[in-house]
Amino acid sequence: ISRDNAKNTLYLQMSSLKAEDTAVYYCAVHRQ
């Protein structure tokens, strides 16, 4: 996981993917 504050963008680099990684992925903002 990484972030680029200048671009207001969050990233998730996923490698060596497995069948069990199949899902809907969501980003979210912590309340604090």
Full PDB file with SEQRES, HELIX, SHEET, SSBOND, CRYST1, ORIGX, SCALE, CONECT and MASTER records, all heavy atoms in Angstrom:
SEQRES   1 A   32  ILE SER ARG ASP ASN ALA LYS ASN THR LEU TYR LEU GLN          
SEQRES   2 A   32  MET SER SER LEU LYS ALA GLU ASP THR ALA VAL TYR TYR          
SEQRES   3 A   32  CYS ALA VAL HIS ARG GLN                                      
HELIX    1 AA1 ALA A   19  ASP A   21  5                                   3    
SHEET    1 AA1 2 SER A   2  ASP A   4  0                                        
SHEET    2 AA1 2 THR A   9  TYR A  11 -1                                        
CRYST1    1.000    1.000    1.000  90.00  90.00  90.00 P 1           1          
ORIGX1      1.000000  0.000000  0.000000        0.00000                         
ORIGX2      0.000000  1.000000  0.000000        0.00000                         
ORIGX3      0.000000  0.000000  1.000000        0.00000                         
SCALE1      1.000000  0.000000  0.000000        0.00000                         
SCALE2      0.000000  1.000000  0.000000        0.00000                         
SCALE3      0.000000  0.000000  1.000000        0.00000                         
ATOM      1  N   ILE A   1       0.844  -1.181   0.000  1.00  0.00           N  
ATOM      2  CA  ILE A   1       0.000   0.000   0.000  1.00  0.00           C  
ATOM      3  C   ILE A   1       0.886   1.239   0.000  1.00  0.00           C  
ATOM      4  O   ILE A   1       1.942   1.260   0.642  1.00  0.00           O  
ATOM      5  CB  ILE A   1      -0.948   0.006   1.235  1.00  0.00           C  
ATOM      6  CG1 ILE A   1      -1.950   1.144   1.157  1.00  0.00           C  
ATOM      7  CG2 ILE A   1      -0.161   0.045   2.548  1.00  0.00           C  
ATOM      8  CD1 ILE A   1      -3.040   1.068   2.240  1.00  0.00           C  
ATOM      9  N   SER A   2       0.461   2.270  -0.724  1.00  0.00           N  
ATOM     10  CA  SER A   2       1.216   3.518  -0.774  1.00  0.00           C  
ATOM     11  C   SER A   2       0.257   4.660  -1.056  1.00  0.00           C  
ATOM     12  O   SER A   2      -0.909   4.434  -1.416  1.00  0.00           O  
ATOM     13  CB  SER A   2       2.316   3.449  -1.836  1.00  0.00           C  
ATOM     14  OG  SER A   2       1.757   3.268  -3.122  1.00  0.00           O  
ATOM     15  N   ARG A   3       0.765   5.876  -0.907  1.00  0.00           N  
ATOM     16  CA  ARG A   3      -0.054   7.049  -1.158  1.00  0.00           C  
ATOM     17  C   ARG A   3       0.780   8.139  -1.815  1.00  0.00           C  
ATOM     18  O   ARG A   3       1.979   8.253  -1.559  1.00  0.00           O  
ATOM     19  CB  ARG A   3      -0.672   7.562   0.145  1.00  0.00           C  
ATOM     20  CG  ARG A   3       0.310   8.067   1.182  1.00  0.00           C  
ATOM     21  CD  ARG A   3      -0.365   8.297   2.550  1.00  0.00           C  
ATOM     22  NE  ARG A   3      -1.456   9.253   2.418  1.00  0.00           N  
ATOM     23  CZ  ARG A   3      -2.475   9.318   3.286  1.00  0.00           C  
ATOM     24  NH1 ARG A   3      -2.522   8.508   4.321  1.00  0.00           N  
ATOM     25  NH2 ARG A   3      -3.432  10.210   3.110  1.00  0.00           N  
ATOM     26  N   ASP A   4       0.112   8.943  -2.648  1.00  0.00           N  
ATOM     27  CA  ASP A   4       0.722  10.114  -3.271  1.00  0.00           C  
ATOM     28  C   ASP A   4      -0.173  11.295  -2.923  1.00  0.00           C  
ATOM     29  O   ASP A   4      -1.229  11.499  -3.544  1.00  0.00           O  
ATOM     30  CB  ASP A   4       0.821   9.921  -4.782  1.00  0.00           C  
ATOM     31  CG  ASP A   4       1.574  11.046  -5.466  1.00  0.00           C  
ATOM     32  OD1 ASP A   4       1.577  12.180  -4.924  1.00  0.00           O  
ATOM     33  OD2 ASP A   4       2.132  10.813  -6.542  1.00  0.00           O  
ATOM     34  N   ASN A   5       0.232  12.056  -1.923  1.00  0.00           N  
ATOM     35  CA  ASN A   5      -0.609  13.156  -1.441  1.00  0.00           C  
ATOM     36  C   ASN A   5      -0.738  14.271  -2.480  1.00  0.00           C  
ATOM     37  O   ASN A   5      -1.761  14.970  -2.517  1.00  0.00           O  
ATOM     38  CB  ASN A   5      -0.054  13.698  -0.132  1.00  0.00           C  
ATOM     39  CG  ASN A   5      -0.155  12.695   0.997  1.00  0.00           C  
ATOM     40  OD1 ASN A   5      -1.036  11.830   1.016  1.00  0.00           O  
ATOM     41  ND2 ASN A   5       0.757  12.802   1.954  1.00  0.00           N  
ATOM     42  N   ALA A   6       0.270  14.452  -3.301  1.00  0.00           N  
ATOM     43  CA  ALA A   6       0.194  15.486  -4.333  1.00  0.00           C  
ATOM     44  C   ALA A   6      -0.877  15.157  -5.366  1.00  0.00           C  
ATOM     45  O   ALA A   6      -1.461  16.061  -5.974  1.00  0.00           O  
ATOM     46  CB  ALA A   6       1.547  15.640  -5.009  1.00  0.00           C  
ATOM     47  N   LYS A   7      -1.143  13.867  -5.548  1.00  0.00           N  
ATOM     48  CA  LYS A   7      -2.142  13.436  -6.511  1.00  0.00           C  
ATOM     49  C   LYS A   7      -3.450  13.014  -5.849  1.00  0.00           C  
ATOM     50  O   LYS A   7      -4.376  12.567  -6.539  1.00  0.00           O  
ATOM     51  CB  LYS A   7      -1.601  12.266  -7.336  1.00  0.00           C  
ATOM     52  CG  LYS A   7      -0.415  12.621  -8.202  1.00  0.00           C  
ATOM     53  CD  LYS A   7       0.045  11.432  -9.039  1.00  0.00           C  
ATOM     54  CE  LYS A   7       1.202  11.806  -9.941  1.00  0.00           C  
ATOM     55  NZ  LYS A   7       1.661  10.660 -10.769  1.00  0.00           N  
ATOM     56  N   ASN A   8      -3.495  13.108  -4.526  1.00  0.00           N  
ATOM     57  CA  ASN A   8      -4.697  12.680  -3.790  1.00  0.00           C  
ATOM     58  C   ASN A   8      -5.098  11.255  -4.169  1.00  0.00           C  
ATOM     59  O   ASN A   8      -6.286  10.963  -4.421  1.00  0.00           O  
ATOM     60  CB  ASN A   8      -5.870  13.636  -4.057  1.00  0.00           C  
ATOM     61  CG  ASN A   8      -5.761  14.926  -3.281  1.00  0.00           C  
ATOM     62  OD1 ASN A   8      -4.853  15.098  -2.458  1.00  0.00           O  
ATOM     63  ND2 ASN A   8      -6.655  15.838  -3.546  1.00  0.00           N  
ATOM     64  N   THR A   9      -4.126  10.380  -4.191  1.00  0.00           N  
ATOM     65  CA  THR A   9      -4.369   9.023  -4.662  1.00  0.00           C  
ATOM     66  C   THR A   9      -3.720   7.994  -3.740  1.00  0.00           C  
ATOM     67  O   THR A   9      -2.575   8.171  -3.315  1.00  0.00           O  
ATOM     68  CB  THR A   9      -3.855   8.837  -6.098  1.00  0.00           C  
ATOM     69  OG1 THR A   9      -4.495   9.786  -6.946  1.00  0.00           O  
ATOM     70  CG2 THR A   9      -4.173   7.438  -6.607  1.00  0.00           C  
ATOM     71  N   LEU A  10      -4.486   6.956  -3.489  1.00  0.00           N  
ATOM     72  CA  LEU A  10      -4.034   5.792  -2.720  1.00  0.00           C  
ATOM     73  C   LEU A  10      -3.832   4.637  -3.693  1.00  0.00           C  
ATOM     74  O   LEU A  10      -4.588   4.497  -4.666  1.00  0.00           O  
ATOM     75  CB  LEU A  10      -5.096   5.431  -1.686  1.00  0.00           C  
ATOM     76  CG  LEU A  10      -4.876   4.209  -0.825  1.00  0.00           C  
ATOM     77  CD1 LEU A  10      -3.796   4.487   0.229  1.00  0.00           C  
ATOM     78  CD2 LEU A  10      -6.179   3.792  -0.147  1.00  0.00           C  
ATOM     79  N   TYR A  11      -2.833   3.799  -3.405  1.00  0.00           N  
ATOM     80  CA  TYR A  11      -2.534   2.678  -4.291  1.00  0.00           C  
ATOM     81  C   TYR A  11      -2.484   1.363  -3.513  1.00  0.00           C  
ATOM     82  O   TYR A  11      -2.192   1.343  -2.314  1.00  0.00           O  
ATOM     83  CB  TYR A  11      -1.188   2.873  -4.985  1.00  0.00           C  
ATOM     84  CG  TYR A  11      -1.088   4.114  -5.818  1.00  0.00           C  
ATOM     85  CD1 TYR A  11      -0.453   5.248  -5.327  1.00  0.00           C  
ATOM     86  CD2 TYR A  11      -1.639   4.169  -7.101  1.00  0.00           C  
ATOM     87  CE1 TYR A  11      -0.360   6.399  -6.089  1.00  0.00           C  
ATOM     88  CE2 TYR A  11      -1.550   5.317  -7.869  1.00  0.00           C  
ATOM     89  CZ  TYR A  11      -0.908   6.432  -7.348  1.00  0.00           C  
ATOM     90  OH  TYR A  11      -0.825   7.565  -8.109  1.00  0.00           O  
ATOM     91  N   LEU A  12      -2.735   0.291  -4.243  1.00  0.00           N  
ATOM     92  CA  LEU A  12      -2.487  -1.048  -3.724  1.00  0.00           C  
ATOM     93  C   LEU A  12      -1.847  -1.855  -4.845  1.00  0.00           C  
ATOM     94  O   LEU A  12      -2.505  -2.203  -5.823  1.00  0.00           O  
ATOM     95  CB  LEU A  12      -3.778  -1.722  -3.256  1.00  0.00           C  
ATOM     96  CG  LEU A  12      -3.571  -3.085  -2.591  1.00  0.00           C  
ATOM     97  CD1 LEU A  12      -2.856  -2.928  -1.253  1.00  0.00           C  
ATOM     98  CD2 LEU A  12      -4.908  -3.813  -2.386  1.00  0.00           C  
ATOM     99  N   GLN A  13      -0.553  -2.120  -4.689  1.00  0.00           N  
ATOM    100  CA  GLN A  13       0.172  -2.949  -5.643  1.00  0.00           C  
ATOM    101  C   GLN A  13       0.033  -4.398  -5.205  1.00  0.00           C  
ATOM    102  O   GLN A  13       0.428  -4.749  -4.084  1.00  0.00           O  
ATOM    103  CB  GLN A  13       1.635  -2.549  -5.698  1.00  0.00           C  
ATOM    104  CG  GLN A  13       2.478  -3.397  -6.645  1.00  0.00           C  
ATOM    105  CD  GLN A  13       2.099  -3.200  -8.096  1.00  0.00           C  
ATOM    106  OE1 GLN A  13       2.002  -2.066  -8.572  1.00  0.00           O  
ATOM    107  NE2 GLN A  13       1.890  -4.297  -8.823  1.00  0.00           N  
ATOM    108  N   MET A  14      -0.512  -5.229  -6.078  1.00  0.00           N  
ATOM    109  CA  MET A  14      -0.758  -6.632  -5.749  1.00  0.00           C  
ATOM    110  C   MET A  14       0.083  -7.518  -6.655  1.00  0.00           C  
ATOM    111  O   MET A  14      -0.004  -7.397  -7.885  1.00  0.00           O  
ATOM    112  CB  MET A  14      -2.243  -6.952  -5.921  1.00  0.00           C  
ATOM    113  CG  MET A  14      -3.159  -6.050  -5.109  1.00  0.00           C  
ATOM    114  SD  MET A  14      -4.901  -6.487  -5.277  1.00  0.00           S  
ATOM    115  CE  MET A  14      -5.176  -6.024  -6.990  1.00  0.00           C  
ATOM    116  N   SER A  15       0.872  -8.379  -6.064  1.00  0.00           N  
ATOM    117  CA  SER A  15       1.735  -9.280  -6.813  1.00  0.00           C  
ATOM    118  C   SER A  15       1.508 -10.714  -6.358  1.00  0.00           C  
ATOM    119  O   SER A  15       0.905 -10.949  -5.310  1.00  0.00           O  
ATOM    120  CB  SER A  15       3.199  -8.893  -6.600  1.00  0.00           C  
ATOM    121  OG  SER A  15       3.430  -7.550  -6.951  1.00  0.00           O  
ATOM    122  N   SER A  16       2.001 -11.652  -7.154  1.00  0.00           N  
ATOM    123  CA  SER A  16       1.859 -13.082  -6.842  1.00  0.00           C  
ATOM    124  C   SER A  16       0.414 -13.410  -6.484  1.00  0.00           C  
ATOM    125  O   SER A  16       0.131 -14.073  -5.484  1.00  0.00           O  
ATOM    126  CB  SER A  16       2.789 -13.477  -5.686  1.00  0.00           C  
ATOM    127  OG  SER A  16       4.129 -13.205  -6.012  1.00  0.00           O  
ATOM    128  N   LEU A  17      -0.480 -12.940  -7.292  1.00  0.00           N  
ATOM    129  CA  LEU A  17      -1.903 -13.082  -6.992  1.00  0.00           C  
ATOM    130  C   LEU A  17      -2.331 -14.535  -7.026  1.00  0.00           C  
ATOM    131  O   LEU A  17      -1.837 -15.347  -7.819  1.00  0.00           O  
ATOM    132  CB  LEU A  17      -2.731 -12.257  -7.966  1.00  0.00           C  
ATOM    133  CG  LEU A  17      -2.735 -10.753  -7.674  1.00  0.00           C  
ATOM    134  CD1 LEU A  17      -3.143  -9.954  -8.889  1.00  0.00           C  
ATOM    135  CD2 LEU A  17      -3.652 -10.451  -6.494  1.00  0.00           C  
ATOM    136  N   LYS A  18      -3.276 -14.838  -6.135  1.00  0.00           N  
ATOM    137  CA  LYS A  18      -3.818 -16.177  -5.993  1.00  0.00           C  
ATOM    138  C   LYS A  18      -5.322 -16.144  -6.259  1.00  0.00           C  
ATOM    139  O   LYS A  18      -5.955 -15.094  -6.151  1.00  0.00           O  
ATOM    140  CB  LYS A  18      -3.570 -16.699  -4.580  1.00  0.00           C  
ATOM    141  CG  LYS A  18      -2.131 -16.644  -4.126  1.00  0.00           C  
ATOM    142  CD  LYS A  18      -1.999 -17.058  -2.668  1.00  0.00           C  
ATOM    143  CE  LYS A  18      -0.570 -16.987  -2.183  1.00  0.00           C  
ATOM    144  NZ  LYS A  18      -0.440 -17.378  -0.767  1.00  0.00           N  
ATOM    145  N   ALA A  19      -5.885 -17.303  -6.551  1.00  0.00           N  
ATOM    146  CA  ALA A  19      -7.324 -17.371  -6.794  1.00  0.00           C  
ATOM    147  C   ALA A  19      -8.109 -16.843  -5.609  1.00  0.00           C  
ATOM    148  O   ALA A  19      -9.157 -16.202  -5.765  1.00  0.00           O  
ATOM    149  CB  ALA A  19      -7.720 -18.806  -7.115  1.00  0.00           C  
ATOM    150  N   GLU A  20      -7.599 -17.092  -4.396  1.00  0.00           N  
ATOM    151  CA  GLU A  20      -8.309 -16.645  -3.196  1.00  0.00           C  
ATOM    152  C   GLU A  20      -8.246 -15.139  -2.980  1.00  0.00           C  
ATOM    153  O   GLU A  20      -8.872 -14.615  -2.057  1.00  0.00           O  
ATOM    154  CB  GLU A  20      -7.785 -17.376  -1.953  1.00  0.00           C  
ATOM    155  CG  GLU A  20      -6.280 -17.352  -1.799  1.00  0.00           C  
ATOM    156  CD  GLU A  20      -5.629 -18.615  -2.345  1.00  0.00           C  
ATOM    157  OE1 GLU A  20      -6.037 -19.087  -3.440  1.00  0.00           O  
ATOM    158  OE2 GLU A  20      -4.713 -19.130  -1.672  1.00  0.00           O  
ATOM    159  N   ASP A  21      -7.513 -14.415  -3.817  1.00  0.00           N  
ATOM    160  CA  ASP A  21      -7.526 -12.956  -3.765  1.00  0.00           C  
ATOM    161  C   ASP A  21      -8.687 -12.376  -4.551  1.00  0.00           C  
ATOM    162  O   ASP A  21      -8.920 -11.162  -4.514  1.00  0.00           O  
ATOM    163  CB  ASP A  21      -6.214 -12.389  -4.327  1.00  0.00           C  
ATOM    164  CG  ASP A  21      -5.004 -12.737  -3.490  1.00  0.00           C  
ATOM    165  OD1 ASP A  21      -5.095 -12.679  -2.245  1.00  0.00           O  
ATOM    166  OD2 ASP A  21      -3.949 -13.064  -4.075  1.00  0.00           O  
ATOM    167  N   THR A  22      -9.422 -13.209  -5.257  1.00  0.00           N  
ATOM    168  CA  THR A  22     -10.586 -12.744  -6.011  1.00  0.00           C  
ATOM    169  C   THR A  22     -11.609 -12.119  -5.069  1.00  0.00           C  
ATOM    170  O   THR A  22     -12.050 -12.742  -4.103  1.00  0.00           O  
ATOM    171  CB  THR A  22     -11.225 -13.910  -6.774  1.00  0.00           C  
ATOM    172  OG1 THR A  22     -10.299 -14.383  -7.766  1.00  0.00           O  
ATOM    173  CG2 THR A  22     -12.521 -13.484  -7.450  1.00  0.00           C  
ATOM    174  N   ALA A  23     -11.972 -10.876  -5.352  1.00  0.00           N  
ATOM    175  CA  ALA A  23     -12.882 -10.132  -4.475  1.00  0.00           C  
ATOM    176  C   ALA A  23     -13.144  -8.761  -5.089  1.00  0.00           C  
ATOM    177  O   ALA A  23     -12.491  -8.357  -6.047  1.00  0.00           O  
ATOM    178  CB  ALA A  23     -12.267  -9.965  -3.080  1.00  0.00           C  
ATOM    179  N   VAL A  24     -14.091  -8.059  -4.486  1.00  0.00           N  
ATOM    180  CA  VAL A  24     -14.253  -6.636  -4.753  1.00  0.00           C  
ATOM    181  C   VAL A  24     -13.424  -5.890  -3.719  1.00  0.00           C  
ATOM    182  O   VAL A  24     -13.562  -6.137  -2.519  1.00  0.00           O  
ATOM    183  CB  VAL A  24     -15.728  -6.205  -4.675  1.00  0.00           C  
ATOM    184  CG1 VAL A  24     -15.849  -4.702  -4.907  1.00  0.00           C  
ATOM    185  CG2 VAL A  24     -16.562  -6.978  -5.690  1.00  0.00           C  
ATOM    186  N   TYR A  25     -12.575  -5.006  -4.195  1.00  0.00           N  
ATOM    187  CA  TYR A  25     -11.662  -4.262  -3.326  1.00  0.00           C  
ATOM    188  C   TYR A  25     -12.168  -2.835  -3.136  1.00  0.00           C  
ATOM    189  O   TYR A  25     -12.541  -2.169  -4.118  1.00  0.00           O  
ATOM    190  CB  TYR A  25     -10.256  -4.243  -3.925  1.00  0.00           C  
ATOM    191  CG  TYR A  25      -9.541  -5.564  -3.775  1.00  0.00           C  
ATOM    192  CD1 TYR A  25      -9.923  -6.677  -4.515  1.00  0.00           C  
ATOM    193  CD2 TYR A  25      -8.492  -5.708  -2.860  1.00  0.00           C  
ATOM    194  CE1 TYR A  25      -9.280  -7.895  -4.358  1.00  0.00           C  
ATOM    195  CE2 TYR A  25      -7.846  -6.917  -2.701  1.00  0.00           C  
ATOM    196  CZ  TYR A  25      -8.249  -8.010  -3.451  1.00  0.00           C  
ATOM    197  OH  TYR A  25      -7.608  -9.221  -3.290  1.00  0.00           O  
ATOM    198  N   TYR A  26     -12.136  -2.382  -1.882  1.00  0.00           N  
ATOM    199  CA  TYR A  26     -12.633  -1.061  -1.514  1.00  0.00           C  
ATOM    200  C   TYR A  26     -11.545  -0.256  -0.820  1.00  0.00           C  
ATOM    201  O   TYR A  26     -10.856  -0.785   0.055  1.00  0.00           O  
ATOM    202  CB  TYR A  26     -13.808  -1.174  -0.560  1.00  0.00           C  
ATOM    203  CG  TYR A  26     -14.999  -1.948  -1.093  1.00  0.00           C  
ATOM    204  CD1 TYR A  26     -15.084  -3.323  -0.898  1.00  0.00           C  
ATOM    205  CD2 TYR A  26     -16.018  -1.300  -1.771  1.00  0.00           C  
ATOM    206  CE1 TYR A  26     -16.168  -4.035  -1.378  1.00  0.00           C  
ATOM    207  CE2 TYR A  26     -17.106  -2.006  -2.248  1.00  0.00           C  
ATOM    208  CZ  TYR A  26     -17.176  -3.376  -2.055  1.00  0.00           C  
ATOM    209  OH  TYR A  26     -18.264  -4.071  -2.524  1.00  0.00           O  
ATOM    210  N   CYS A  27     -11.456   1.033  -1.155  1.00  0.00           N  
ATOM    211  CA  CYS A  27     -10.626   1.929  -0.364  1.00  0.00           C  
ATOM    212  C   CYS A  27     -11.549   2.710   0.577  1.00  0.00           C  
ATOM    213  O   CYS A  27     -12.737   2.882   0.308  1.00  0.00           O  
ATOM    214  CB  CYS A  27      -9.837   2.890  -1.250  1.00  0.00           C  
ATOM    215  SG  CYS A  27     -10.827   3.945  -2.323  1.00  0.00           S  
ATOM    216  N   ALA A  28     -10.972   3.169   1.684  1.00  0.00           N  
ATOM    217  CA  ALA A  28     -11.769   3.838   2.697  1.00  0.00           C  
ATOM    218  C   ALA A  28     -10.925   4.822   3.490  1.00  0.00           C  
ATOM    219  O   ALA A  28      -9.704   4.651   3.624  1.00  0.00           O  
ATOM    220  CB  ALA A  28     -12.402   2.815   3.635  1.00  0.00           C  
ATOM    221  N   VAL A  29     -11.601   5.821   4.040  1.00  0.00           N  
ATOM    222  CA  VAL A  29     -10.954   6.869   4.832  1.00  0.00           C  
ATOM    223  C   VAL A  29     -11.226   6.628   6.314  1.00  0.00           C  
ATOM    224  O   VAL A  29     -12.396   6.501   6.734  1.00  0.00           O  
ATOM    225  CB  VAL A  29     -11.512   8.262   4.472  1.00  0.00           C  
ATOM    226  CG1 VAL A  29     -10.747   9.339   5.231  1.00  0.00           C  
ATOM    227  CG2 VAL A  29     -11.468   8.495   2.988  1.00  0.00           C  
ATOM    228  N   HIS A  30     -10.163   6.592   7.106  1.00  0.00           N  
ATOM    229  CA  HIS A  30     -10.347   6.412   8.544  1.00  0.00           C  
ATOM    230  C   HIS A  30     -10.986   7.660   9.150  1.00  0.00           C  
ATOM    231  O   HIS A  30     -10.712   8.782   8.712  1.00  0.00           O  
ATOM    232  CB  HIS A  30      -9.019   6.105   9.209  1.00  0.00           C  
ATOM    233  CG  HIS A  30      -9.147   5.599  10.602  1.00  0.00           C  
ATOM    234  ND1 HIS A  30      -8.963   6.408  11.703  1.00  0.00           N  
ATOM    235  CD2 HIS A  30      -9.487   4.369  11.070  1.00  0.00           C  
ATOM    236  CE1 HIS A  30      -9.164   5.682  12.799  1.00  0.00           C  
ATOM    237  NE2 HIS A  30      -9.477   4.450  12.441  1.00  0.00           N  
ATOM    238  N   ARG A  31     -11.793   7.476  10.170  1.00  0.00           N  
ATOM    239  CA  ARG A  31     -12.565   8.574  10.733  1.00  0.00           C  
ATOM    240  C   ARG A  31     -11.716   9.580  11.510  1.00  0.00           C  
ATOM    241  O   ARG A  31     -12.123  10.713  11.703  1.00  0.00           O  
ATOM    242  CB  ARG A  31     -13.654   8.040  11.656  1.00  0.00           C  
ATOM    243  CG  ARG A  31     -13.142   7.311  12.872  1.00  0.00           C  
ATOM    244  CD  ARG A  31     -14.281   6.819  13.744  1.00  0.00           C  
ATOM    245  NE  ARG A  31     -15.298   6.099  12.985  1.00  0.00           N  
ATOM    246  CZ  ARG A  31     -16.316   5.458  13.528  1.00  0.00           C  
ATOM    247  NH1 ARG A  31     -16.444   5.428  14.840  1.00  0.00           N  
ATOM    248  NH2 ARG A  31     -17.200   4.851  12.774  1.00  0.00           N  
ATOM    249  N   GLN A  32     -10.532   9.179  11.963  1.00  0.00           N  
ATOM    250  CA  GLN A  32      -9.727  10.051  12.813  1.00  0.00           C  
ATOM    251  C   GLN A  32      -8.557  10.624  12.030  1.00  0.00           C  
ATOM    252  O   GLN A  32      -7.787   9.882  11.408  1.00  0.00           O  
ATOM    253  CB  GLN A  32      -9.207   9.263  14.013  1.00  0.00           C  
ATOM    254  CG  GLN A  32      -8.389  10.085  14.994  1.00  0.00           C  
ATOM    255  CD  GLN A  32      -7.922   9.262  16.183  1.00  0.00           C  
ATOM    256  OE1 GLN A  32      -8.343   8.119  16.370  1.00  0.00           O  
ATOM    257  NE2 GLN A  32      -7.061   9.832  16.999  1.00  0.00           N  
TER     258      GLN A  32                                                      
MASTER        0    0    0    1    2    0    0    6  257    1    0    3          
END                                                                             
